Amino acid sequence: MRITRHLEFQIGSKEEKLFYETPDFPYIASRAELDFYRESFVPWHWHNAVELFYIESGQLKYHTPNKTMLFPAGSAGMVNANVLHMTQIQSHRDKNIQLLHIFEPRLLAGSHGSLIEQKYIAPITANSQIELISLCPENPEQAAVIALIREAFLLSENEFAYEIKIREALSKIWIELFRICAPSLKEKNPAADRTTDKVKSMIVYIHEHYAEKITVPQLAETAFLSERECYRVFQNHLHMTPIDYIRSYRIQTACRMLAESQMPVTEVGNACGMRNTSYFGKIFRETTGYTPLQYRRKWQNNDKK
């Protein structure tokens, strides 16, 4: 099982970068040790893969464009393919550890256009109404699915026919999720899909131009929206304004630069599009609780331990 302590993005699409052992078997078993992340949250992102997860310890809050759900230790869930989502740690009293099965739908579907894809995979992955599924251990039916998710993590990559066994385990889980999703499978909203695509395109633009001056009208234009509509879709999908997202992404980038380099603080601010040093320091402290230098010492000292 891979240990994950940070998030990486694809250079082009800005989807999360997923490190499969081989493209012929698009699956990852991951142990996310969230207390090692440099922020108390995993920022907004998406990926073509399905994300099945189990909360081993701690408590996480998941946000998608239309849902916010709390997942305590012992619960589990699923994030659908290509769904924008972020997570927030709720407390550092306990370790925050999440186990994840991350896999592309084709792992279960087989060839594109197959009967399995048409009948059982696409009805879920292509349905924009199914963003996030919560599985509660107090519900007997859902507890059985949680048990299947946990058991699949016990499979060892070194055992005979591991790939077949893990695909079989994921298929069993998928069948149960299909039953749970059945009432929602007939609901589709093409307009919502188009709006989500526009939000993603604006996020990509911010990730590519954060070091430059970005205005809301300029951002809206990249998605063929009015300024007012740009504010509305950001608020509806990401629960923040475009300005808030731009500032948040710049601070996330600054955190990485401070932790991984000796670049002077003034240059870090400039590189992140925040050229007023006092403003950069003020916003950084409001966001992280540390001055830039305190943050650098904290994380660079941690890396030496």
Foldseek 3Di string as FASTA:
>chain_A
DAEDQEWDADPQLRATDDDDPDPVFFKDKYKYQDVNYLAQKHDKHFAQWKKKKAWQAAKKWKAFLADIDIDHHGKIKIFAHGTIMMMGGDDPPDGTIMIIIIGHLCLQQPDPPHPCCVPQNCLQNVAPVCGMTIQDCVDVLSVVLSVLVVVLVVQDPPDPPNSVVSSVSVVVSSVSVCVVCVVVSVDHDVVVVLLSVLVSQLVSVLVVQQLADDDLCNSQVSSPHHSVVQQVSCCSGVVDGPVVVSLVVLLSQLLVDLQPHPPDQCVSCNRRNNNPSVVVQVSNCVRNVDGSVVSSCVNNVVVVD
